N, C-alpha and C. Protein backbone atom coordinates (compact mmCIF):
# COMPACT_ATOMS: atom_id res chain seq x y z
N MET A 1 2.70 -24.80 7.19
CA MET A 1 2.86 -23.80 7.63
C MET A 1 2.10 -22.73 7.63
N ALA A 2 1.66 -22.11 8.69
CA ALA A 2 0.39 -21.08 8.71
C ALA A 2 0.46 -20.38 9.99
N MET A 3 -0.68 -19.65 10.18
CA MET A 3 -0.76 -18.64 11.67
C MET A 3 -1.02 -19.54 12.53
N LYS A 4 -1.04 -19.61 13.61
CA LYS A 4 -1.93 -20.09 14.34
C LYS A 4 -3.43 -19.35 15.09
N LEU A 5 -4.26 -19.58 15.01
CA LEU A 5 -5.93 -19.18 15.23
C LEU A 5 -6.00 -19.37 16.67
N GLN A 6 -6.10 -18.27 17.31
CA GLN A 6 -6.30 -18.46 18.90
C GLN A 6 -8.00 -17.83 19.09
N GLY A 7 -8.41 -18.36 20.08
CA GLY A 7 -9.58 -18.36 20.72
C GLY A 7 -10.77 -18.67 19.35
N PRO A 8 -11.88 -17.50 19.51
CA PRO A 8 -13.07 -18.37 18.77
C PRO A 8 -12.54 -18.10 17.35
N LEU A 9 -11.28 -18.00 16.74
CA LEU A 9 -10.72 -18.10 15.57
C LEU A 9 -10.32 -19.30 15.03
N ALA A 10 -10.22 -19.88 16.27
CA ALA A 10 -9.61 -21.22 16.06
C ALA A 10 -10.35 -22.40 15.58
N ASP A 11 -11.73 -22.33 15.35
CA ASP A 11 -12.20 -23.20 14.86
C ASP A 11 -13.17 -22.21 13.23
N ARG A 12 -12.32 -22.76 12.38
CA ARG A 12 -12.09 -21.82 11.19
C ARG A 12 -13.96 -21.78 10.49
N SER A 13 -14.43 -23.05 10.89
CA SER A 13 -15.53 -23.40 10.62
C SER A 13 -16.90 -22.47 10.81
N LYS A 14 -16.41 -21.61 11.84
CA LYS A 14 -17.72 -21.13 12.77
C LYS A 14 -17.33 -19.08 12.76
N TRP A 15 -16.21 -19.03 11.72
CA TRP A 15 -16.27 -17.32 11.39
C TRP A 15 -15.63 -17.29 9.40
N ASP A 16 -15.76 -15.89 9.31
CA ASP A 16 -15.66 -15.69 7.98
C ASP A 16 -14.59 -14.11 7.83
N ALA A 17 -14.27 -14.18 7.28
CA ALA A 17 -13.42 -13.12 7.19
C ALA A 17 -14.35 -12.09 6.43
N ASP A 18 -15.39 -11.51 6.60
CA ASP A 18 -16.27 -10.67 5.81
C ASP A 18 -16.00 -9.33 5.44
N GLU A 19 -16.76 -8.50 5.14
CA GLU A 19 -16.66 -7.19 5.27
C GLU A 19 -15.86 -6.03 5.71
N ARG A 20 -15.49 -6.76 6.95
CA ARG A 20 -14.44 -6.11 7.69
C ARG A 20 -13.23 -6.61 7.57
N CYS A 21 -12.64 -7.06 6.98
CA CYS A 21 -11.64 -7.74 6.64
C CYS A 21 -10.74 -6.58 5.63
N SER A 22 -9.85 -6.38 6.58
CA SER A 22 -8.79 -4.90 6.72
C SER A 22 -7.95 -5.31 4.99
N ILE A 23 -8.05 -6.64 4.71
CA ILE A 23 -6.71 -6.90 3.38
C ILE A 23 -7.94 -6.71 2.59
N SER A 24 -9.59 -6.78 2.41
CA SER A 24 -10.45 -6.97 1.44
C SER A 24 -10.76 -5.39 1.41
N ARG A 25 -10.36 -4.62 2.33
CA ARG A 25 -10.73 -3.37 2.39
C ARG A 25 -9.53 -2.62 1.61
N ALA A 26 -8.49 -2.92 2.07
CA ALA A 26 -7.43 -2.11 1.37
C ALA A 26 -7.47 -2.47 -0.32
N MET A 27 -7.51 -3.73 -0.48
CA MET A 27 -7.51 -4.21 -1.94
C MET A 27 -8.74 -3.70 -2.77
N GLY A 28 -10.05 -3.12 -2.08
CA GLY A 28 -10.91 -2.29 -2.72
C GLY A 28 -10.25 -0.85 -2.93
N VAL A 29 -9.19 -0.29 -2.50
CA VAL A 29 -9.11 0.85 -2.70
C VAL A 29 -7.37 0.50 -3.60
N VAL A 30 -6.53 -0.34 -3.34
CA VAL A 30 -5.50 -0.38 -4.22
C VAL A 30 -5.42 -1.57 -4.70
N GLY A 31 -6.47 -2.27 -5.18
CA GLY A 31 -6.19 -3.58 -5.68
C GLY A 31 -6.23 -3.53 -7.05
N THR A 32 -6.04 -2.34 -7.84
CA THR A 32 -5.52 -2.68 -9.39
C THR A 32 -4.41 -2.17 -9.84
N ARG A 33 -3.80 -2.27 -10.92
CA ARG A 33 -2.80 -2.60 -11.08
C ARG A 33 -2.22 -1.24 -11.56
N SER A 34 -2.89 -0.25 -12.12
CA SER A 34 -3.09 1.02 -12.12
C SER A 34 -2.62 1.78 -10.72
N ALA A 35 -3.68 1.31 -10.03
CA ALA A 35 -3.78 2.21 -8.37
C ALA A 35 -2.03 1.73 -7.87
N MET A 36 -1.50 0.94 -8.40
CA MET A 36 -0.45 0.69 -7.28
C MET A 36 0.72 1.11 -8.50
N LEU A 37 0.56 1.26 -9.56
CA LEU A 37 1.44 1.92 -10.47
C LEU A 37 1.18 3.58 -10.09
N LEU A 38 0.53 3.77 -10.09
CA LEU A 38 0.43 5.35 -9.85
C LEU A 38 1.22 5.65 -8.35
N LEU A 39 0.75 4.72 -7.56
CA LEU A 39 1.23 5.21 -6.05
C LEU A 39 2.43 5.01 -6.12
N ARG A 40 3.24 3.87 -7.07
CA ARG A 40 4.66 3.68 -7.32
C ARG A 40 5.45 4.88 -7.36
N GLU A 41 4.71 5.77 -8.85
CA GLU A 41 5.18 6.65 -9.48
C GLU A 41 5.37 7.86 -8.25
N ALA A 42 3.88 8.15 -7.41
CA ALA A 42 4.02 9.25 -6.29
C ALA A 42 5.22 9.10 -5.34
N TYR A 43 5.27 7.76 -5.23
CA TYR A 43 6.72 7.60 -4.31
C TYR A 43 8.08 7.72 -4.87
N TYR A 44 7.90 7.78 -6.54
CA TYR A 44 9.39 8.09 -7.39
C TYR A 44 9.20 9.74 -7.13
N GLY A 45 8.02 10.45 -6.71
CA GLY A 45 7.87 11.99 -7.13
C GLY A 45 7.29 12.43 -8.05
N THR A 46 6.61 11.82 -8.44
CA THR A 46 5.85 11.88 -9.78
C THR A 46 4.54 12.81 -9.49
N THR A 47 4.22 14.15 -9.68
CA THR A 47 3.21 14.54 -9.05
C THR A 47 2.32 14.95 -10.41
N ARG A 48 2.60 15.37 -12.04
CA ARG A 48 1.63 16.09 -12.58
C ARG A 48 0.62 14.68 -13.33
N PHE A 49 -0.60 14.98 -13.57
CA PHE A 49 -1.14 14.36 -14.26
C PHE A 49 -0.72 13.79 -15.35
N ASP A 50 -0.34 14.70 -16.52
CA ASP A 50 -0.14 13.55 -17.56
C ASP A 50 1.53 13.05 -16.92
N ASP A 51 2.65 13.50 -16.65
CA ASP A 51 3.53 12.25 -16.04
C ASP A 51 3.14 10.96 -15.62
N PHE A 52 2.12 11.10 -14.74
CA PHE A 52 1.38 9.68 -13.96
C PHE A 52 1.05 8.61 -15.50
N ALA A 53 0.41 9.67 -15.93
CA ALA A 53 -0.56 8.64 -17.57
C ALA A 53 0.83 8.04 -18.08
N HIS A 54 1.50 9.10 -18.49
CA HIS A 54 2.59 8.79 -19.33
C HIS A 54 3.64 7.55 -18.63
N ARG A 55 3.88 7.74 -17.59
CA ARG A 55 5.01 6.61 -16.77
C ARG A 55 4.30 5.49 -16.41
N VAL A 56 3.35 5.66 -16.03
CA VAL A 56 2.56 4.11 -15.77
C VAL A 56 1.93 3.33 -17.07
N GLY A 57 2.13 4.28 -18.22
CA GLY A 57 1.29 3.46 -19.53
C GLY A 57 -0.22 3.37 -19.76
N ILE A 58 -0.89 4.19 -19.18
CA ILE A 58 -2.24 4.36 -19.05
C ILE A 58 -2.85 5.36 -19.91
N THR A 59 -4.04 5.00 -20.03
CA THR A 59 -4.72 6.28 -20.91
C THR A 59 -4.99 7.32 -19.89
N ASP A 60 -5.52 8.39 -20.44
CA ASP A 60 -5.79 9.64 -19.36
C ASP A 60 -7.22 9.34 -18.78
N ALA A 61 -8.30 8.69 -19.25
CA ALA A 61 -9.10 8.55 -18.77
C ALA A 61 -8.92 7.51 -17.90
N VAL A 62 -8.22 6.13 -17.65
CA VAL A 62 -7.69 5.40 -16.79
C VAL A 62 -6.74 5.91 -15.32
N ALA A 63 -6.10 7.13 -15.83
CA ALA A 63 -5.26 7.76 -14.88
C ALA A 63 -6.37 8.45 -14.25
N SER A 64 -7.36 9.51 -15.04
CA SER A 64 -8.54 10.06 -14.34
C SER A 64 -9.03 9.43 -13.09
N ALA A 65 -9.28 8.42 -13.64
CA ALA A 65 -10.15 7.67 -12.72
C ALA A 65 -9.75 6.81 -11.27
N ARG A 66 -8.52 6.81 -11.70
CA ARG A 66 -7.57 5.82 -10.42
C ARG A 66 -7.62 7.13 -9.48
N LEU A 67 -6.71 8.23 -10.18
CA LEU A 67 -6.61 9.15 -9.59
C LEU A 67 -7.61 9.64 -8.46
N LYS A 68 -8.61 9.92 -8.97
CA LYS A 68 -9.83 10.27 -8.60
C LYS A 68 -10.04 9.22 -7.10
N GLU A 69 -9.68 8.05 -7.36
CA GLU A 69 -10.01 6.99 -6.38
C GLU A 69 -9.14 7.27 -5.61
N LEU A 70 -8.06 7.50 -5.54
CA LEU A 70 -6.69 7.26 -4.58
C LEU A 70 -7.15 8.99 -4.08
N VAL A 71 -7.45 9.46 -4.29
CA VAL A 71 -7.54 11.20 -3.72
C VAL A 71 -9.17 10.92 -2.68
N GLU A 72 -10.25 10.26 -3.41
CA GLU A 72 -11.55 10.36 -2.62
C GLU A 72 -10.98 9.23 -1.17
N ALA A 73 -10.15 8.05 -1.19
CA ALA A 73 -9.64 6.97 -0.70
C ALA A 73 -8.67 7.76 0.55
N GLY A 74 -7.75 8.87 0.26
CA GLY A 74 -7.32 9.30 0.89
C GLY A 74 -5.49 9.18 0.86
N LEU A 75 -5.11 8.44 0.01
CA LEU A 75 -4.01 8.47 -0.53
C LEU A 75 -3.40 9.37 -0.78
N LEU A 76 -4.44 9.96 -1.77
CA LEU A 76 -3.43 11.44 -2.47
C LEU A 76 -4.25 12.88 -2.14
N THR A 77 -3.50 13.70 -1.94
CA THR A 77 -4.75 15.05 -2.25
C THR A 77 -4.28 15.75 -3.49
N LYS A 78 -5.31 16.82 -3.88
CA LYS A 78 -4.83 17.56 -4.95
C LYS A 78 -4.43 18.76 -4.56
N SER A 79 -3.32 19.13 -5.37
CA SER A 79 -2.83 20.85 -4.98
C SER A 79 -2.71 21.83 -6.03
N PRO A 80 -3.40 22.90 -6.18
CA PRO A 80 -3.38 23.59 -7.38
C PRO A 80 -2.28 24.34 -7.62
N TYR A 81 -2.20 24.20 -8.95
CA TYR A 81 -0.55 25.02 -9.31
C TYR A 81 -1.49 25.47 -10.78
N ARG A 82 -0.51 26.66 -10.70
CA ARG A 82 -0.66 27.84 -12.29
C ARG A 82 0.67 28.13 -12.82
N GLU A 83 0.60 27.48 -14.01
CA GLU A 83 2.21 27.91 -14.62
C GLU A 83 1.73 29.30 -15.06
N PRO A 84 2.83 30.61 -15.71
CA PRO A 84 2.37 31.84 -16.08
C PRO A 84 1.50 31.40 -17.41
N GLY A 85 0.45 32.07 -17.51
CA GLY A 85 -0.15 32.02 -18.77
C GLY A 85 -1.01 31.05 -19.37
N GLN A 86 -1.03 29.94 -18.29
CA GLN A 86 -1.56 28.77 -18.29
C GLN A 86 -3.10 28.62 -17.11
N ARG A 87 -4.05 27.96 -17.38
CA ARG A 87 -5.19 27.83 -16.41
C ARG A 87 -4.59 26.75 -15.03
N THR A 88 -5.21 26.63 -14.15
CA THR A 88 -5.14 26.17 -12.76
C THR A 88 -5.11 24.72 -13.24
N ARG A 89 -4.31 24.20 -12.42
CA ARG A 89 -4.15 22.31 -12.83
C ARG A 89 -4.03 22.03 -11.66
N TYR A 90 -3.84 20.85 -11.37
CA TYR A 90 -3.72 20.42 -10.42
C TYR A 90 -2.47 19.34 -10.23
N GLU A 91 -1.95 19.35 -8.89
CA GLU A 91 -0.75 18.06 -9.13
C GLU A 91 -1.17 17.16 -7.46
N TYR A 92 -1.07 15.48 -7.39
CA TYR A 92 -1.02 14.90 -6.85
C TYR A 92 -0.19 14.39 -5.86
N VAL A 93 -0.36 14.90 -4.64
CA VAL A 93 0.84 14.42 -3.05
C VAL A 93 0.25 13.54 -2.41
N LEU A 94 1.19 12.99 -1.95
CA LEU A 94 0.56 11.80 -1.23
C LEU A 94 0.72 12.63 0.37
N THR A 95 -0.19 11.90 1.13
CA THR A 95 -0.92 12.11 2.25
C THR A 95 -0.29 11.41 3.30
N ASP A 96 -0.10 11.70 4.52
CA ASP A 96 0.28 10.57 5.49
C ASP A 96 -0.39 8.96 5.15
N MET A 97 -1.69 9.08 4.60
CA MET A 97 -2.37 7.56 4.45
C MET A 97 -1.28 6.92 3.51
N GLY A 98 -1.10 7.43 2.47
CA GLY A 98 -0.43 7.21 1.21
C GLY A 98 1.14 7.24 1.51
N ARG A 99 1.96 7.55 2.24
CA ARG A 99 3.36 7.66 2.65
C ARG A 99 3.18 6.44 3.95
N ASP A 100 2.08 6.11 4.78
CA ASP A 100 1.82 4.57 5.32
C ASP A 100 1.77 3.73 4.50
N LEU A 101 1.41 3.27 3.23
CA LEU A 101 1.64 2.37 2.60
C LEU A 101 2.80 1.95 1.99
N LEU A 102 3.79 2.72 2.12
CA LEU A 102 5.18 2.36 1.50
C LEU A 102 5.62 1.16 1.99
N PRO A 103 5.42 0.36 3.04
CA PRO A 103 6.23 -0.75 3.24
C PRO A 103 5.48 -1.90 2.63
N ALA A 104 4.09 -1.56 2.51
CA ALA A 104 3.62 -2.56 1.48
C ALA A 104 3.79 -3.11 0.24
N VAL A 105 4.37 -1.58 -0.18
CA VAL A 105 4.62 -1.86 -1.42
C VAL A 105 6.09 -1.82 -1.77
N VAL A 106 7.00 -1.29 -1.29
CA VAL A 106 8.08 -2.14 -0.97
C VAL A 106 8.41 -3.47 -0.73
N ALA A 107 7.55 -4.16 0.06
CA ALA A 107 7.31 -6.06 0.39
C ALA A 107 7.01 -6.25 -0.76
N LEU A 108 5.84 -6.05 -1.78
CA LEU A 108 5.87 -6.35 -2.93
C LEU A 108 6.93 -6.05 -3.92
N MET A 109 7.34 -5.32 -4.21
CA MET A 109 8.54 -5.18 -5.18
C MET A 109 9.65 -6.16 -4.56
N GLN A 110 10.08 -6.32 -3.35
CA GLN A 110 11.13 -7.23 -2.98
C GLN A 110 10.19 -8.76 -3.25
N TRP A 111 8.96 -8.76 -3.22
CA TRP A 111 8.83 -10.22 -3.85
C TRP A 111 8.80 -10.70 -4.70
N GLY A 112 8.40 -9.48 -5.77
CA GLY A 112 8.96 -9.66 -7.08
C GLY A 112 10.04 -9.62 -7.45
N ASP A 113 10.92 -9.13 -6.57
CA ASP A 113 12.78 -9.08 -7.34
C ASP A 113 12.84 -10.08 -6.92
N LYS A 114 12.46 -11.10 -5.86
CA LYS A 114 12.88 -12.45 -5.42
C LYS A 114 12.35 -13.39 -6.27
N TYR A 115 11.19 -13.63 -7.04
CA TYR A 115 10.42 -14.36 -7.50
C TYR A 115 10.18 -14.50 -8.99
N LEU A 116 10.16 -13.05 -9.44
CA LEU A 116 9.61 -12.66 -10.75
C LEU A 116 10.66 -12.25 -11.55
N GLN A 117 11.88 -11.61 -11.09
CA GLN A 117 13.16 -11.50 -11.85
C GLN A 117 14.55 -12.43 -11.92
N ARG A 118 14.20 -12.85 -13.37
CA ARG A 118 15.38 -13.90 -13.36
C ARG A 118 16.84 -13.18 -13.78
N ASP A 119 17.25 -11.85 -13.40
CA ASP A 119 18.32 -11.52 -13.66
C ASP A 119 18.70 -10.92 -12.49
N GLY A 120 18.05 -10.93 -11.43
CA GLY A 120 18.10 -10.29 -9.98
C GLY A 120 17.10 -8.61 -10.54
N ALA A 121 17.39 -8.18 -9.27
CA ALA A 121 16.71 -6.82 -9.23
C ALA A 121 16.77 -5.45 -10.11
N PRO A 122 15.90 -5.00 -10.82
CA PRO A 122 16.57 -4.32 -11.67
C PRO A 122 16.97 -2.71 -10.89
N LEU A 123 15.68 -2.32 -9.57
CA LEU A 123 16.35 -1.32 -8.86
C LEU A 123 16.41 -1.67 -7.42
N GLN A 124 17.28 -0.93 -6.30
CA GLN A 124 17.41 -1.42 -5.28
C GLN A 124 17.04 -0.17 -4.46
N VAL A 125 16.25 -0.09 -3.46
CA VAL A 125 15.63 0.59 -2.68
C VAL A 125 16.87 0.73 -1.45
N VAL A 126 17.58 2.08 -0.98
CA VAL A 126 18.56 2.25 0.07
C VAL A 126 18.57 3.34 0.66
N ASP A 127 19.11 3.43 1.82
CA ASP A 127 18.97 4.43 2.68
C ASP A 127 19.85 5.39 2.22
N ASP A 128 18.97 6.73 2.23
CA ASP A 128 19.65 7.68 1.59
C ASP A 128 21.13 8.16 2.10
N ALA A 129 20.81 7.97 3.42
CA ALA A 129 22.08 8.73 4.16
C ALA A 129 23.43 7.95 4.07
N THR A 130 22.89 6.74 4.31
CA THR A 130 24.09 5.62 4.19
C THR A 130 24.16 4.69 2.94
N GLY A 131 23.29 4.50 2.25
CA GLY A 131 23.39 4.11 1.09
C GLY A 131 23.02 2.00 1.14
N ALA A 132 22.51 1.83 2.70
CA ALA A 132 22.69 0.76 2.94
C ALA A 132 21.13 -0.02 2.40
N PRO A 133 20.96 -1.12 2.03
CA PRO A 133 19.96 -1.89 1.41
C PRO A 133 18.77 -1.65 2.53
N VAL A 134 17.68 -0.80 1.97
CA VAL A 134 16.27 -1.38 3.08
C VAL A 134 15.59 -2.73 2.51
N SER A 135 14.81 -3.14 3.39
CA SER A 135 13.83 -4.24 3.37
C SER A 135 12.75 -4.35 4.23
N VAL A 136 11.96 -4.89 4.06
CA VAL A 136 10.37 -5.00 4.79
C VAL A 136 10.74 -6.47 5.44
N ARG A 137 10.31 -6.52 6.63
CA ARG A 137 10.19 -7.85 7.19
C ARG A 137 9.57 -7.92 8.36
N VAL A 138 8.71 -8.72 8.79
CA VAL A 138 7.69 -9.15 9.43
C VAL A 138 8.49 -8.96 11.16
N ARG A 139 8.10 -8.49 11.72
CA ARG A 139 8.71 -8.47 13.17
C ARG A 139 7.72 -7.68 14.27
N THR A 140 8.62 -8.18 15.39
CA THR A 140 7.58 -7.86 16.58
C THR A 140 7.83 -6.34 17.26
N ASP A 141 7.67 -5.89 18.02
CA ASP A 141 8.21 -4.54 18.29
C ASP A 141 9.49 -4.41 19.26
N ALA A 142 10.00 -5.44 19.74
CA ALA A 142 11.34 -5.53 19.83
C ALA A 142 12.15 -5.70 19.15
N GLY A 143 11.82 -5.64 17.50
CA GLY A 143 12.67 -5.89 16.53
C GLY A 143 13.03 -7.49 16.04
N ASP A 144 12.36 -8.29 16.97
CA ASP A 144 12.84 -9.85 16.72
C ASP A 144 12.20 -10.22 15.20
N ASP A 145 12.85 -10.81 14.41
CA ASP A 145 12.19 -11.56 12.98
C ASP A 145 10.93 -12.59 13.40
N VAL A 146 9.85 -12.53 12.24
CA VAL A 146 8.87 -13.70 12.77
C VAL A 146 8.68 -14.33 11.66
N ASP A 147 8.48 -15.54 11.52
CA ASP A 147 7.81 -16.11 10.06
C ASP A 147 6.83 -16.76 10.04
N LEU A 148 6.09 -17.21 9.40
CA LEU A 148 5.38 -17.51 9.16
C LEU A 148 4.36 -18.48 10.31
N ASP A 149 5.14 -19.45 10.45
CA ASP A 149 5.00 -20.32 11.95
C ASP A 149 5.04 -19.39 13.16
N GLY A 150 5.49 -18.63 13.20
CA GLY A 150 6.08 -18.11 14.36
C GLY A 150 4.86 -17.02 15.02
N LEU A 151 3.62 -16.60 13.73
CA LEU A 151 2.63 -15.84 14.34
C LEU A 151 1.58 -16.26 14.25
N ARG A 152 0.41 -15.52 15.52
CA ARG A 152 -0.82 -16.02 15.86
C ARG A 152 -1.72 -14.68 15.60
N LEU A 153 -2.58 -15.38 15.43
CA LEU A 153 -3.98 -14.17 14.59
C LEU A 153 -5.25 -14.34 15.89
N ARG A 154 -5.42 -13.50 16.73
CA ARG A 154 -6.11 -13.24 17.20
C ARG A 154 -7.14 -12.15 17.27
N VAL A 155 -7.96 -11.99 17.67
CA VAL A 155 -9.49 -10.86 18.17
C VAL A 155 -8.94 -9.61 18.49
N ASN A 156 -8.79 -8.76 17.98
CA ASN A 156 -8.42 -7.42 18.72
C ASN A 156 -9.16 -7.27 20.14
N ALA A 157 -8.30 -6.52 21.10
CA ALA A 157 -8.65 -6.81 22.55
C ALA A 157 -9.57 -5.31 22.26
N VAL A 158 -9.79 -4.26 21.65
CA VAL A 158 -10.08 -3.19 21.63
C VAL A 158 -11.70 -3.23 21.40
N PRO A 159 -12.37 -3.10 22.46
CA PRO A 159 -13.83 -3.05 22.06
C PRO A 159 -14.46 -2.73 20.95
N ALA A 160 -15.51 -3.53 20.25
CA ALA A 160 -15.71 -2.84 19.22
C ALA A 160 -16.47 -1.25 19.31
N ALA A 161 -16.92 -1.33 20.37
CA ALA A 161 -17.94 0.41 20.15
C ALA A 161 -16.80 1.15 20.17
N THR A 162 -15.59 0.90 21.17
CA THR A 162 -14.70 2.33 21.25
C THR A 162 -13.99 2.31 19.74
N ALA A 163 -13.58 1.08 19.29
CA ALA A 163 -12.48 1.36 18.33
C ALA A 163 -13.50 1.79 17.32
N PRO A 164 -12.28 2.59 16.26
CA PRO A 164 -12.70 3.19 14.96
C PRO A 164 -13.28 2.21 13.89
N ASP A 165 -14.08 2.46 12.90
CA ASP A 165 -14.64 1.57 11.83
C ASP A 165 -13.64 1.23 11.18
N ALA A 166 -12.53 0.29 11.73
CA ALA A 166 -11.50 -0.20 11.39
C ALA A 166 -11.90 -1.70 11.39
N PRO A 167 -11.30 -2.33 9.86
CA PRO A 167 -11.85 -3.50 9.56
C PRO A 167 -11.10 -4.71 10.28
N THR A 168 -11.42 -6.37 10.19
CA THR A 168 -10.69 -7.02 10.97
C THR A 168 -10.25 -7.80 10.05
N GLY A 169 -9.23 -8.50 9.91
CA GLY A 169 -8.79 -9.72 9.02
C GLY A 169 -7.67 -9.55 8.40
C-alpha cells in the first residue's frame, strides 16, 4: 500500500525529497519531543514560562531554547505582562500558524491512543458545544475519506516563480 506517484514523480530514481520537502521543514521546527509537548501545553491554555517548564518536565534552559525557537518560527508570540510589584515578564500565545498545526498534533494523539495505549486513550478531544468526539482524517474537499491507496502525489501546478518559498514533499 502506498500513494500513487504521478508525472515526473513516478520514477523515484529520478528525484529526491530535498531541502524543499515540507515534512522535513516542519520537522525542523517541531521535530523535538520538547517542542511538541510545549505546543500541547499551549493548546491546553498554558502561557507562562514556569508553567510550560513544569508541565512538560524540562529544565528552564531547554524550555527557554525551545520557546525561543517556536517564537522565531512563528508558532508562538511573546506578549508582555506585569504583576503588581514585579518586573515585566512574557507569556507565550499561539499564533494563527501555531493554531493551524492543531490537526497534526491531534492526529499524533489519536495515533498514540490507538497504538501505544494498552488501556485506551487517557484523554478525549470533543466538540465544546456538543461533546461529540473529534477526529482527524484524510479527506477530499468534498468530505470523502481517503486511505493511503486512494492518494496520489503530484507536482504542484503553481509555477515555482509565483509560489511562496514553500517546500514540496
